[in-house]
Amino acid sequence: MLIRVDPASPLPLGDQIAAAVRGAIAEGEVRAGERLPAARELAESLGVNVHTVLRGYQRLREEGLIDLRRGRGAVVTGERPAGRARLVTQTRRLITESRRLGLPDEELLSLIRASLTREA
């Protein structure tokens, strides 16, 4: 798994790291049960602060894609992490597009709820 960051990007470095790992999971390059690089090692290889890597890993944890345990490191979780990673990526794109169009978050949520009701 190759992780790169672009210091010139407006996207925070931690978010770039999370996106790179999310992409690797979505593409099946990293599977459930596999260990991610140690935060300290990854930070050193990218030339960033270890807390930057930990912020990226924390975001992935919040998304349910990895488990973080002291002494055990970051491990990809779930039975279908690739599908979940793709869904998180698509959701982020939907939110970005909605905000670009000036749609309030509550209106987006209403659209989603209405779509779920129609599908049920």
PDB file of N, CA and C in Angstrom:
ATOM      1  N   MET A   1       0.852  -1.170   0.000  1.00  0.00           N
ATOM      2  CA  MET A   1       0.000   0.000   0.000  1.00  0.00           C
ATOM      3  C   MET A   1       0.899   1.234   0.000  1.00  0.00           C
ATOM      4  N   LEU A   2       0.680   2.057  -0.998  1.00  0.00           N
ATOM      5  CA  LEU A   2       1.463   3.282  -1.136  1.00  0.00           C
ATOM      6  C   LEU A   2       0.625   4.464  -0.670  1.00  0.00           C
ATOM      7  N   ILE A   3       1.162   5.212   0.272  1.00  0.00           N
ATOM      8  CA  ILE A   3       0.472   6.393   0.782  1.00  0.00           C
ATOM      9  C   ILE A   3       1.319   7.603   0.445  1.00  0.00           C
ATOM     10  N   ARG A   4       0.665   8.580  -0.173  1.00  0.00           N
ATOM     11  CA  ARG A   4       1.341   9.842  -0.500  1.00  0.00           C
ATOM     12  C   ARG A   4       0.481  10.982   0.003  1.00  0.00           C
ATOM     13  N   VAL A   5       1.156  12.077   0.352  1.00  0.00           N
ATOM     14  CA  VAL A   5       0.442  13.288   0.735  1.00  0.00           C
ATOM     15  C   VAL A   5       0.978  14.442  -0.094  1.00  0.00           C
ATOM     16  N   ASP A   6       0.126  15.437  -0.290  1.00  0.00           N
ATOM     17  CA  ASP A   6       0.494  16.633  -1.046  1.00  0.00           C
ATOM     18  C   ASP A   6       0.380  17.832  -0.117  1.00  0.00           C
ATOM     19  N   PRO A   7       1.507  18.346   0.375  1.00  0.00           N
ATOM     20  CA  PRO A   7       1.463  19.490   1.292  1.00  0.00           C
ATOM     21  C   PRO A   7       0.802  20.728   0.677  1.00  0.00           C
ATOM     22  N   ALA A   8       0.741  20.816  -0.642  1.00  0.00           N
ATOM     23  CA  ALA A   8       0.138  21.968  -1.313  1.00  0.00           C
ATOM     24  C   ALA A   8      -1.385  21.835  -1.431  1.00  0.00           C
ATOM     25  N   SER A   9      -1.915  20.657  -1.134  1.00  0.00           N
ATOM     26  CA  SER A   9      -3.349  20.426  -1.250  1.00  0.00           C
ATOM     27  C   SER A   9      -4.101  21.164  -0.143  1.00  0.00           C
ATOM     28  N   PRO A  10      -5.308  21.655  -0.448  1.00  0.00           N
ATOM     29  CA  PRO A  10      -6.117  22.280   0.602  1.00  0.00           C
ATOM     30  C   PRO A  10      -6.675  21.253   1.598  1.00  0.00           C
ATOM     31  N   LEU A  11      -6.650  19.973   1.218  1.00  0.00           N
ATOM     32  CA  LEU A  11      -7.123  18.913   2.099  1.00  0.00           C
ATOM     33  C   LEU A  11      -6.076  18.674   3.194  1.00  0.00           C
ATOM     34  N   PRO A  12      -6.489  18.689   4.472  1.00  0.00           N
ATOM     35  CA  PRO A  12      -5.525  18.454   5.554  1.00  0.00           C
ATOM     36  C   PRO A  12      -4.784  17.129   5.363  1.00  0.00           C
ATOM     37  N   LEU A  13      -3.539  17.093   5.822  1.00  0.00           N
ATOM     38  CA  LEU A  13      -2.702  15.903   5.644  1.00  0.00           C
ATOM     39  C   LEU A  13      -3.322  14.653   6.267  1.00  0.00           C
ATOM     40  N   GLY A  14      -3.919  14.789   7.446  1.00  0.00           N
ATOM     41  CA  GLY A  14      -4.567  13.639   8.084  1.00  0.00           C
ATOM     42  C   GLY A  14      -5.695  13.088   7.237  1.00  0.00           C
ATOM     43  N   ASP A  15      -6.459  13.993   6.605  1.00  0.00           N
ATOM     44  CA  ASP A  15      -7.539  13.559   5.715  1.00  0.00           C
ATOM     45  C   ASP A  15      -6.985  12.895   4.463  1.00  0.00           C
ATOM     46  N   GLN A  16      -5.840  13.367   3.984  1.00  0.00           N
ATOM     47  CA  GLN A  16      -5.207  12.743   2.821  1.00  0.00           C
ATOM     48  C   GLN A  16      -4.762  11.321   3.155  1.00  0.00           C
ATOM     49  N   ILE A  17      -4.221  11.157   4.342  1.00  0.00           N
ATOM     50  CA  ILE A  17      -3.782   9.826   4.773  1.00  0.00           C
ATOM     51  C   ILE A  17      -4.996   8.899   4.879  1.00  0.00           C
ATOM     52  N   ALA A  18      -6.071   9.390   5.507  1.00  0.00           N
ATOM     53  CA  ALA A  18      -7.291   8.582   5.637  1.00  0.00           C
ATOM     54  C   ALA A  18      -7.829   8.215   4.259  1.00  0.00           C
ATOM     55  N   ALA A  19      -7.832   9.166   3.327  1.00  0.00           N
ATOM     56  CA  ALA A  19      -8.341   8.897   1.975  1.00  0.00           C
ATOM     57  C   ALA A  19      -7.497   7.844   1.267  1.00  0.00           C
ATOM     58  N   ALA A  20      -6.187   7.907   1.447  1.00  0.00           N
ATOM     59  CA  ALA A  20      -5.302   6.933   0.796  1.00  0.00           C
ATOM     60  C   ALA A  20      -5.552   5.529   1.337  1.00  0.00           C
ATOM     61  N   VAL A  21      -5.683   5.408   2.651  1.00  0.00           N
ATOM     62  CA  VAL A  21      -5.935   4.102   3.253  1.00  0.00           C
ATOM     63  C   VAL A  21      -7.330   3.616   2.867  1.00  0.00           C
ATOM     64  N   ARG A  22      -8.326   4.510   2.901  1.00  0.00           N
ATOM     65  CA  ARG A  22      -9.690   4.169   2.508  1.00  0.00           C
ATOM     66  C   ARG A  22      -9.704   3.630   1.076  1.00  0.00           C
ATOM     67  N   GLY A  23      -8.964   4.282   0.195  1.00  0.00           N
ATOM     68  CA  GLY A  23      -8.879   3.839  -1.191  1.00  0.00           C
ATOM     69  C   GLY A  23      -8.250   2.466  -1.310  1.00  0.00           C
ATOM     70  N   ALA A  24      -7.201   2.225  -0.530  1.00  0.00           N
ATOM     71  CA  ALA A  24      -6.535   0.917  -0.554  1.00  0.00           C
ATOM     72  C   ALA A  24      -7.484  -0.180  -0.065  1.00  0.00           C
ATOM     73  N   ILE A  25      -8.291   0.144   0.945  1.00  0.00           N
ATOM     74  CA  ILE A  25      -9.268  -0.821   1.443  1.00  0.00           C
ATOM     75  C   ILE A  25     -10.338  -1.063   0.381  1.00  0.00           C
ATOM     76  N   ALA A  26     -10.832   0.018  -0.219  1.00  0.00           N
ATOM     77  CA  ALA A  26     -11.888  -0.089  -1.239  1.00  0.00           C
ATOM     78  C   ALA A  26     -11.434  -0.912  -2.431  1.00  0.00           C
ATOM     79  N   GLU A  27     -10.164  -0.787  -2.800  1.00  0.00           N
ATOM     80  CA  GLU A  27      -9.631  -1.517  -3.953  1.00  0.00           C
ATOM     81  C   GLU A  27      -9.208  -2.945  -3.605  1.00  0.00           C
ATOM     82  N   GLY A  28      -9.306  -3.304  -2.331  1.00  0.00           N
ATOM     83  CA  GLY A  28      -8.935  -4.656  -1.917  1.00  0.00           C
ATOM     84  C   GLY A  28      -7.441  -4.855  -1.735  1.00  0.00           C
ATOM     85  N   GLU A  29      -6.681  -3.771  -1.758  1.00  0.00           N
ATOM     86  CA  GLU A  29      -5.232  -3.873  -1.538  1.00  0.00           C
ATOM     87  C   GLU A  29      -4.929  -4.230  -0.083  1.00  0.00           C
ATOM     88  N   VAL A  30      -5.837  -3.832   0.801  1.00  0.00           N
ATOM     89  CA  VAL A  30      -5.719  -4.131   2.227  1.00  0.00           C
ATOM     90  C   VAL A  30      -7.033  -4.776   2.637  1.00  0.00           C
ATOM     91  N   ARG A  31      -6.959  -5.887   3.331  1.00  0.00           N
ATOM     92  CA  ARG A  31      -8.168  -6.651   3.672  1.00  0.00           C
ATOM     93  C   ARG A  31      -8.400  -6.690   5.185  1.00  0.00           C
ATOM     94  N   ALA A  32      -9.569  -7.152   5.554  1.00  0.00           N
ATOM     95  CA  ALA A  32      -9.921  -7.293   6.973  1.00  0.00           C
ATOM     96  C   ALA A  32      -8.860  -8.115   7.684  1.00  0.00           C
ATOM     97  N   GLY A  33      -8.471  -7.645   8.854  1.00  0.00           N
ATOM     98  CA  GLY A  33      -7.479  -8.337   9.669  1.00  0.00           C
ATOM     99  C   GLY A  33      -6.051  -7.899   9.406  1.00  0.00           C
ATOM    100  N   GLU A  34      -5.818  -7.187   8.302  1.00  0.00           N
ATOM    101  CA  GLU A  34      -4.462  -6.730   8.006  1.00  0.00           C
ATOM    102  C   GLU A  34      -4.106  -5.511   8.844  1.00  0.00           C
ATOM    103  N   ARG A  35      -2.854  -5.452   9.208  1.00  0.00           N
ATOM    104  CA  ARG A  35      -2.332  -4.361  10.015  1.00  0.00           C
ATOM    105  C   ARG A  35      -1.845  -3.234   9.114  1.00  0.00           C
ATOM    106  N   LEU A  36      -2.158  -2.007   9.486  1.00  0.00           N
ATOM    107  CA  LEU A  36      -1.653  -0.838   8.771  1.00  0.00           C
ATOM    108  C   LEU A  36      -0.268  -0.490   9.309  1.00  0.00           C
ATOM    109  N   PRO A  37       0.485   0.302   8.566  1.00  0.00           N
ATOM    110  CA  PRO A  37       1.802   0.706   9.070  1.00  0.00           C
ATOM    111  C   PRO A  37       1.664   1.418  10.415  1.00  0.00           C
ATOM    112  N   ALA A  38       2.633   1.204  11.287  1.00  0.00           N
ATOM    113  CA  ALA A  38       2.640   1.897  12.577  1.00  0.00           C
ATOM    114  C   ALA A  38       2.656   3.402  12.330  1.00  0.00           C
ATOM    115  N   ALA A  39       1.924   4.131  13.147  1.00  0.00           N
ATOM    116  CA  ALA A  39       1.803   5.587  12.966  1.00  0.00           C
ATOM    117  C   ALA A  39       3.170   6.259  12.936  1.00  0.00           C
ATOM    118  N   ARG A  40       4.045   5.858  13.810  1.00  0.00           N
ATOM    119  CA  ARG A  40       5.379   6.475  13.881  1.00  0.00           C
ATOM    120  C   ARG A  40       6.174   6.212  12.603  1.00  0.00           C
ATOM    121  N   GLU A  41       6.121   4.981  12.109  1.00  0.00           N
ATOM    122  CA  GLU A  41       6.839   4.630  10.875  1.00  0.00           C
ATOM    123  C   GLU A  41       6.270   5.377   9.674  1.00  0.00           C
ATOM    124  N   LEU A  42       4.943   5.424   9.577  1.00  0.00           N
ATOM    125  CA  LEU A  42       4.302   6.104   8.461  1.00  0.00           C
ATOM    126  C   LEU A  42       4.602   7.598   8.497  1.00  0.00           C
ATOM    127  N   ALA A  43       4.550   8.183   9.687  1.00  0.00           N
ATOM    128  CA  ALA A  43       4.854   9.605   9.828  1.00  0.00           C
ATOM    129  C   ALA A  43       6.276   9.900   9.358  1.00  0.00           C
ATOM    130  N   GLU A  44       7.192   9.053   9.757  1.00  0.00           N
ATOM    131  CA  GLU A  44       8.588   9.237   9.360  1.00  0.00           C
ATOM    132  C   GLU A  44       8.760   9.121   7.845  1.00  0.00           C
ATOM    133  N   SER A  45       8.092   8.137   7.231  1.00  0.00           N
ATOM    134  CA  SER A  45       8.251   7.940   5.792  1.00  0.00           C
ATOM    135  C   SER A  45       7.599   9.061   4.984  1.00  0.00           C
ATOM    136  N   LEU A  46       6.539   9.680   5.541  1.00  0.00           N
ATOM    137  CA  LEU A  46       5.857  10.773   4.843  1.00  0.00           C
ATOM    138  C   LEU A  46       6.416  12.144   5.193  1.00  0.00           C
ATOM    139  N   GLY A  47       7.229  12.194   6.245  1.00  0.00           N
ATOM    140  CA  GLY A  47       7.780  13.478   6.680  1.00  0.00           C
ATOM    141  C   GLY A  47       6.743  14.353   7.362  1.00  0.00           C
ATOM    142  N   VAL A  48       5.833  13.701   8.115  1.00  0.00           N
ATOM    143  CA  VAL A  48       4.798  14.437   8.834  1.00  0.00           C
ATOM    144  C   VAL A  48       4.864  14.071  10.313  1.00  0.00           C
ATOM    145  N   ASN A  49       4.130  14.811  11.123  1.00  0.00           N
ATOM    146  CA  ASN A  49       4.065  14.562  12.554  1.00  0.00           C
ATOM    147  C   ASN A  49       3.253  13.293  12.814  1.00  0.00           C
ATOM    148  N   VAL A  50       3.624  12.540  13.817  1.00  0.00           N
ATOM    149  CA  VAL A  50       2.913  11.298  14.145  1.00  0.00           C
ATOM    150  C   VAL A  50       1.447  11.586  14.475  1.00  0.00           C
ATOM    151  N   HIS A  51       1.157  12.751  15.050  1.00  0.00           N
ATOM    152  CA  HIS A  51      -0.229  13.097  15.380  1.00  0.00           C
ATOM    153  C   HIS A  51      -1.071  13.296  14.118  1.00  0.00           C
ATOM    154  N   THR A  52      -0.438  13.690  13.025  1.00  0.00           N
ATOM    155  CA  THR A  52      -1.134  13.833  11.747  1.00  0.00           C
ATOM    156  C   THR A  52      -1.612  12.463  11.270  1.00  0.00           C
ATOM    157  N   VAL A  53      -0.741  11.479  11.365  1.00  0.00           N
ATOM    158  CA  VAL A  53      -1.112  10.107  10.982  1.00  0.00           C
ATOM    159  C   VAL A  53      -2.202   9.598  11.911  1.00  0.00           C
ATOM    160  N   LEU A  54      -2.064   9.857  13.194  1.00  0.00           N
ATOM    161  CA  LEU A  54      -3.065   9.394  14.152  1.00  0.00           C
ATOM    162  C   LEU A  54      -4.429  10.041  13.898  1.00  0.00           C
ATOM    163  N   ARG A  55      -4.452  11.306  13.448  1.00  0.00           N
ATOM    164  CA  ARG A  55      -5.720  11.950  13.095  1.00  0.00           C
ATOM    165  C   ARG A  55      -6.370  11.216  11.917  1.00  0.00           C
ATOM    166  N   GLY A  56      -5.566  10.863  10.926  1.00  0.00           N
ATOM    167  CA  GLY A  56      -6.092  10.108   9.789  1.00  0.00           C
ATOM    168  C   GLY A  56      -6.610   8.753  10.219  1.00  0.00           C
ATOM    169  N   TYR A  57      -5.861   8.063  11.060  1.00  0.00           N
ATOM    170  CA  TYR A  57      -6.288   6.757  11.556  1.00  0.00           C
ATOM    171  C   TYR A  57      -7.556   6.894  12.404  1.00  0.00           C
ATOM    172  N   GLN A  58      -7.650   7.954  13.195  1.00  0.00           N
ATOM    173  CA  GLN A  58      -8.840   8.164  14.024  1.00  0.00           C
ATOM    174  C   GLN A  58     -10.079   8.348  13.148  1.00  0.00           C
ATOM    175  N   ARG A  59      -9.937   9.080  12.050  1.00  0.00           N
ATOM    176  CA  ARG A  59     -11.067   9.279  11.132  1.00  0.00           C
ATOM    177  C   ARG A  59     -11.532   7.920  10.581  1.00  0.00           C
ATOM    178  N   LEU A  60     -10.578   7.070  10.210  1.00  0.00           N
ATOM    179  CA  LEU A  60     -10.918   5.736   9.696  1.00  0.00           C
ATOM    180  C   LEU A  60     -11.589   4.890  10.777  1.00  0.00           C
ATOM    181  N   ARG A  61     -11.158   5.080  11.995  1.00  0.00           N
ATOM    182  CA  ARG A  61     -11.785   4.367  13.121  1.00  0.00           C
ATOM    183  C   ARG A  61     -13.237   4.824  13.281  1.00  0.00           C
ATOM    184  N   GLU A  62     -13.458   6.139  13.204  1.00  0.00           N
ATOM    185  CA  GLU A  62     -14.811   6.682  13.326  1.00  0.00           C
ATOM    186  C   GLU A  62     -15.716   6.167  12.201  1.00  0.00           C
ATOM    187  N   GLU A  63     -15.137   5.901  11.061  1.00  0.00           N
ATOM    188  CA  GLU A  63     -15.886   5.385   9.914  1.00  0.00           C
ATOM    189  C   GLU A  63     -16.112   3.880  10.015  1.00  0.00           C
ATOM    190  N   GLY A  64     -15.521   3.249  11.014  1.00  0.00           N
ATOM    191  CA  GLY A  64     -15.699   1.819  11.207  1.00  0.00           C
ATOM    192  C   GLY A  64     -14.815   0.964  10.310  1.00  0.00           C
ATOM    193  N   LEU A  65     -13.774   1.577   9.747  1.00  0.00           N
ATOM    194  CA  LEU A  65     -12.909   0.835   8.823  1.00  0.00           C
ATOM    195  C   LEU A  65     -11.704   0.193   9.502  1.00  0.00           C
ATOM    196  N   ILE A  66     -11.258   0.767  10.605  1.00  0.00           N
ATOM    197  CA  ILE A  66     -10.124   0.183  11.312  1.00  0.00           C
ATOM    198  C   ILE A  66     -10.401   0.160  12.808  1.00  0.00           C
ATOM    199  N   ASP A  67      -9.627  -0.658  13.479  1.00  0.00           N
ATOM    200  CA  ASP A  67      -9.663  -0.736  14.934  1.00  0.00           C
ATOM    201  C   ASP A  67      -8.295  -0.282  15.421  1.00  0.00           C
ATOM    202  N   LEU A  68      -8.276   0.600  16.398  1.00  0.00           N
ATOM    203  CA  LEU A  68      -7.016   1.082  16.969  1.00  0.00           C
ATOM    204  C   LEU A  68      -6.883   0.547  18.385  1.00  0.00           C
ATOM    205  N   ARG A  69      -5.796  -0.158  18.629  1.00  0.00           N
ATOM    206  CA  ARG A  69      -5.545  -0.670  19.973  1.00  0.00           C
ATOM    207  C   ARG A  69      -4.097  -0.415  20.339  1.00  0.00           C
ATOM    208  N   ARG A  70      -3.916   0.084  21.541  1.00  0.00           N
ATOM    209  CA  ARG A  70      -2.568   0.356  22.034  1.00  0.00           C
ATOM    210  C   ARG A  70      -1.774  -0.952  22.046  1.00  0.00           C
ATOM    211  N   GLY A  71      -0.596  -0.902  21.468  1.00  0.00           N
ATOM    212  CA  GLY A  71       0.269  -2.072  21.426  1.00  0.00           C
ATOM    213  C   GLY A  71      -0.042  -3.019  20.282  1.00  0.00           C
ATOM    214  N   ARG A  72      -1.226  -2.880  19.688  1.00  0.00           N
ATOM    215  CA  ARG A  72      -1.614  -3.754  18.584  1.00  0.00           C
ATOM    216  C   ARG A  72      -1.594  -3.007  17.265  1.00  0.00           C
ATOM    217  N   GLY A  73      -1.732  -1.688  17.345  1.00  0.00           N
ATOM    218  CA  GLY A  73      -1.706  -0.874  16.144  1.00  0.00           C
ATOM    219  C   GLY A  73      -3.064  -0.744  15.490  1.00  0.00           C
ATOM    220  N   ALA A  74      -3.044  -0.364  14.229  1.00  0.00           N
ATOM    221  CA  ALA A  74      -4.262  -0.161  13.443  1.00  0.00           C
ATOM    222  C   ALA A  74      -4.505  -1.387  12.575  1.00  0.00           C
ATOM    223  N   VAL A  75      -5.700  -1.955  12.709  1.00  0.00           N
ATOM    224  CA  VAL A  75      -6.051  -3.171  11.984  1.00  0.00           C
ATOM    225  C   VAL A  75      -7.365  -2.936  11.243  1.00  0.00           C
ATOM    226  N   VAL A  76      -7.416  -3.356   9.990  1.00  0.00           N
ATOM    227  CA  VAL A  76      -8.636  -3.231   9.195  1.00  0.00           C
ATOM    228  C   VAL A  76      -9.691  -4.162   9.781  1.00  0.00           C
ATOM    229  N   THR A  77     -10.902  -3.631   9.949  1.00  0.00           N
ATOM    230  CA  THR A  77     -11.966  -4.390  10.605  1.00  0.00           C
ATOM    231  C   THR A  77     -13.082  -4.741   9.633  1.00  0.00           C
ATOM    232  N   GLY A  78     -14.033  -5.496  10.144  1.00  0.00           N
ATOM    233  CA  GLY A  78     -15.259  -5.769   9.407  1.00  0.00           C
ATOM    234  C   GLY A  78     -15.163  -6.944   8.467  1.00  0.00           C
ATOM    235  N   GLU A  79     -16.340  -7.433   8.105  1.00  0.00           N
ATOM    236  CA  GLU A  79     -16.423  -8.545   7.168  1.00  0.00           C
ATOM    237  C   GLU A  79     -16.276  -8.058   5.737  1.00  0.00           C
ATOM    238  N   ARG A  80     -16.749  -6.830   5.474  1.00  0.00           N
ATOM    239  CA  ARG A  80     -16.695  -6.277   4.124  1.00  0.00           C
ATOM    240  C   ARG A  80     -16.114  -4.867   4.142  1.00  0.00           C
ATOM    241  N   PRO A  81     -14.860  -4.729   4.526  1.00  0.00           N
ATOM    242  CA  PRO A  81     -14.301  -3.381   4.622  1.00  0.00           C
ATOM    243  C   PRO A  81     -14.211  -2.669   3.275  1.00  0.00           C
ATOM    244  N   ALA A  82     -14.024  -3.398   2.187  1.00  0.00           N
ATOM    245  CA  ALA A  82     -13.906  -2.755   0.871  1.00  0.00           C
ATOM    246  C   ALA A  82     -15.216  -2.068   0.491  1.00  0.00           C
ATOM    247  N   GLY A  83     -16.329  -2.755   0.696  1.00  0.00           N
ATOM    248  CA  GLY A  83     -17.631  -2.164   0.385  1.00  0.00           C
ATOM    249  C   GLY A  83     -17.923  -0.961   1.262  1.00  0.00           C
ATOM    250  N   ARG A  84     -17.588  -1.071   2.530  1.00  0.00           N
ATOM    251  CA  ARG A  84     -17.808   0.049   3.453  1.00  0.00           C
ATOM    252  C   ARG A  84     -16.939   1.236   3.056  1.00  0.00           C
ATOM    253  N   ALA A  85     -15.693   0.984   2.680  1.00  0.00           N
ATOM    254  CA  ALA A  85     -14.790   2.070   2.271  1.00  0.00           C
ATOM    255  C   ALA A  85     -15.328   2.774   1.029  1.00  0.00           C
ATOM    256  N   ARG A  86     -15.835   2.006   0.067  1.00  0.00           N
ATOM    257  CA  ARG A  86     -16.420   2.618  -1.141  1.00  0.00           C
ATOM    258  C   ARG A  86     -17.635   3.461  -0.787  1.00  0.00           C
ATOM    259  N   LEU A  87     -18.457   2.952   0.124  1.00  0.00           N
ATOM    260  CA  LEU A  87     -19.647   3.681   0.543  1.00  0.00           C
ATOM    261  C   LEU A  87     -19.275   4.986   1.251  1.00  0.00           C
ATOM    262  N   VAL A  88     -18.273   4.955   2.103  1.00  0.00           N
ATOM    263  CA  VAL A  88     -17.825   6.171   2.785  1.00  0.00           C
ATOM    264  C   VAL A  88     -17.321   7.187   1.759  1.00  0.00           C
ATOM    265  N   THR A  89     -16.566   6.722   0.776  1.00  0.00           N
ATOM    266  CA  THR A  89     -16.048   7.614  -0.266  1.00  0.00           C
ATOM    267  C   THR A  89     -17.199   8.243  -1.055  1.00  0.00           C
ATOM    268  N   GLN A  90     -18.176   7.448  -1.429  1.00  0.00           N
ATOM    269  CA  GLN A  90     -19.328   7.973  -2.176  1.00  0.00           C
ATOM    270  C   GLN A  90     -20.128   8.945  -1.330  1.00  0.00           C
ATOM    271  N   THR A  91     -20.269   8.657  -0.054  1.00  0.00           N
ATOM    272  CA  THR A  91     -20.997   9.548   0.848  1.00  0.00           C
ATOM    273  C   THR A  91     -20.294  10.893   0.948  1.00  0.00           C
ATOM    274  N   ARG A  92     -18.976  10.865   1.075  1.00  0.00           N
ATOM    275  CA  ARG A  92     -18.214  12.118   1.148  1.00  0.00           C
ATOM    276  C   ARG A  92     -18.380  12.923  -0.142  1.00  0.00           C
ATOM    277  N   ARG A  93     -18.393  12.249  -1.277  1.00  0.00           N
ATOM    278  CA  ARG A  93     -18.602  12.943  -2.556  1.00  0.00           C
ATOM    279  C   ARG A  93     -19.989  13.571  -2.608  1.00  0.00           C
ATOM    280  N   LEU A  94     -21.002  12.842  -2.140  1.00  0.00           N
ATOM    281  CA  LEU A  94     -22.371  13.352  -2.121  1.00  0.00           C
ATOM    282  C   LEU A  94     -22.464  14.601  -1.240  1.00  0.00           C
ATOM    283  N   ILE A  95     -21.860  14.557  -0.080  1.00  0.00           N
ATOM    284  CA  ILE A  95     -21.877  15.708   0.829  1.00  0.00           C
ATOM    285  C   ILE A  95     -21.168  16.895   0.194  1.00  0.00           C
ATOM    286  N   THR A  96     -20.013  16.657  -0.412  1.00  0.00           N
ATOM    287  CA  THR A  96     -19.263  17.730  -1.061  1.00  0.00           C
ATOM    288  C   THR A  96     -20.074  18.370  -2.177  1.00  0.00           C
ATOM    289  N   GLU A  97     -20.699  17.553  -3.013  1.00  0.00           N
ATOM    290  CA  GLU A  97     -21.511  18.070  -4.118  1.00  0.00           C
ATOM    291  C   GLU A  97     -22.723  18.835  -3.598  1.00  0.00           C
ATOM    292  N   SER A  98     -23.357  18.307  -2.571  1.00  0.00           N
ATOM    293  CA  SER A  98     -24.518  18.967  -1.990  1.00  0.00           C
ATOM    294  C   SER A  98     -24.154  20.353  -1.460  1.00  0.00           C
ATOM    295  N   ARG A  99     -23.039  20.433  -0.764  1.00  0.00           N
ATOM    296  CA  ARG A  99     -22.595  21.721  -0.224  1.00  0.00           C
ATOM    297  C   ARG A  99     -22.180  22.665  -1.333  1.00  0.00           C
ATOM    298  N   ARG A 100     -21.564  22.130  -2.387  1.00  0.00           N
ATOM    299  CA  ARG A 100     -21.172  22.958  -3.528  1.00  0.00           C
ATOM    300  C   ARG A 100     -22.400  23.597  -4.174  1.00  0.00           C
ATOM    301  N   LEU A 101     -23.503  22.866  -4.165  1.00  0.00           N
ATOM    302  CA  LEU A 101     -24.754  23.378  -4.731  1.00  0.00           C
ATOM    303  C   LEU A 101     -25.517  24.280  -3.760  1.00  0.00           C
ATOM    304  N   GLY A 102     -25.000  24.392  -2.536  1.00  0.00           N
ATOM    305  CA  GLY A 102     -25.636  25.254  -1.546  1.00  0.00           C
ATOM    306  C   GLY A 102     -26.803  24.614  -0.822  1.00  0.00           C
ATOM    307  N   LEU A 103     -26.919  23.297  -0.903  1.00  0.00           N
ATOM    308  CA  LEU A 103     -28.009  22.575  -0.245  1.00  0.00           C
ATOM    309  C   LEU A 103     -27.685  22.419   1.241  1.00  0.00           C
ATOM    310  N   PRO A 104     -28.581  22.874   2.113  1.00  0.00           N
ATOM    311  CA  PRO A 104     -28.337  22.688   3.555  1.00  0.00           C
ATOM    312  C   PRO A 104     -28.260  21.197   3.899  1.00  0.00           C
ATOM    313  N   ASP A 105     -27.449  20.856   4.899  1.00  0.00           N
ATOM    314  CA  ASP A 105     -27.278  19.463   5.301  1.00  0.00           C
ATOM    315  C   ASP A 105     -28.612  18.803   5.649  1.00  0.00           C
ATOM    316  N   GLU A 106     -29.487  19.533   6.325  1.00  0.00           N
ATOM    317  CA  GLU A 106     -30.790  18.962   6.698  1.00  0.00           C
ATOM    318  C   GLU A 106     -31.616  18.598   5.469  1.00  0.00           C
ATOM    319  N   GLU A 107     -31.498  19.394   4.424  1.00  0.00           N
ATOM    320  CA  GLU A 107     -32.238  19.088   3.194  1.00  0.00           C
ATOM    321  C   GLU A 107     -31.679  17.826   2.536  1.00  0.00           C
ATOM    322  N   LEU A 108     -30.365  17.684   2.558  1.00  0.00           N
ATOM    323  CA  LEU A 108     -29.753  16.467   2.024  1.00  0.00           C
ATOM    324  C   LEU A 108     -30.241  15.255   2.816  1.00  0.00           C
ATOM    325  N   LEU A 109     -30.259  15.372   4.128  1.00  0.00           N
ATOM    326  CA  LEU A 109     -30.743  14.265   4.959  1.00  0.00           C
ATOM    327  C   LEU A 109     -32.204  13.945   4.652  1.00  0.00           C
ATOM    328  N   SER A 110     -33.014  14.970   4.410  1.00  0.00           N
ATOM    329  CA  SER A 110     -34.424  14.751   4.049  1.00  0.00           C
ATOM    330  C   SER A 110     -34.531  13.997   2.726  1.00  0.00           C
ATOM    331  N   LEU A 111     -33.692  14.353   1.764  1.00  0.00           N
ATOM    332  CA  LEU A 111     -33.687  13.656   0.476  1.00  0.00           C
ATOM    333  C   LEU A 111     -33.322  12.177   0.650  1.00  0.00           C
ATOM    334  N   ILE A 112     -32.347  11.935   1.493  1.00  0.00           N
ATOM    335  CA  ILE A 112     -31.913  10.555   1.739  1.00  0.00           C
ATOM    336  C   ILE A 112     -33.025   9.779   2.426  1.00  0.00           C
ATOM    337  N   ARG A 113     -33.636  10.382   3.446  1.00  0.00           N
ATOM    338  CA  ARG A 113     -34.738   9.706   4.148  1.00  0.00           C
ATOM    339  C   ARG A 113     -35.886   9.386   3.188  1.00  0.00           C
ATOM    340  N   ALA A 114     -36.220  10.350   2.335  1.00  0.00           N
ATOM    341  CA  ALA A 114     -37.308  10.136   1.365  1.00  0.00           C
ATOM    342  C   ALA A 114     -36.952   9.004   0.405  1.00  0.00           C
ATOM    343  N   SER A 115     -35.694   8.945  -0.013  1.00  0.00           N
ATOM    344  CA  SER A 115     -35.252   7.862  -0.903  1.00  0.00           C
ATOM    345  C   SER A 115     -35.318   6.514  -0.212  1.00  0.00           C
ATOM    346  N   LEU A 116     -34.959   6.478   1.052  1.00  0.00           N
ATOM    347  CA  LEU A 116     -35.027   5.220   1.809  1.00  0.00           C
ATOM    348  C   LEU A 116     -36.464   4.758   1.971  1.00  0.00           C
ATOM    349  N   THR A 117     -37.362   5.695   2.182  1.00  0.00           N
ATOM    350  CA  THR A 117     -38.784   5.359   2.346  1.00  0.00           C
ATOM    351  C   THR A 117     -39.343   4.769   1.059  1.00  0.00           C
ATOM    352  N   ARG A 118     -38.943   5.349  -0.069  1.00  0.00           N
ATOM    353  CA  ARG A 118     -39.423   4.849  -1.368  1.00  0.00           C
ATOM    354  C   ARG A 118     -38.870   3.465  -1.672  1.00  0.00           C
ATOM    355  N   GLU A 119     -37.662   3.183  -1.188  1.00  0.00           N
ATOM    356  CA  GLU A 119     -37.013   1.894  -1.462  1.00  0.00           C
ATOM    357  C   GLU A 119     -37.578   0.786  -0.589  1.00  0.00           C
ATOM    358  N   ALA A 120     -38.136   1.138   0.548  1.00  0.00           N
ATOM    359  CA  ALA A 120     -38.605   0.112   1.511  1.00  0.00           C
ATOM    360  C   ALA A 120     -39.846  -0.602   1.045  1.00  0.00           C
TER     361      ALA A 120
END
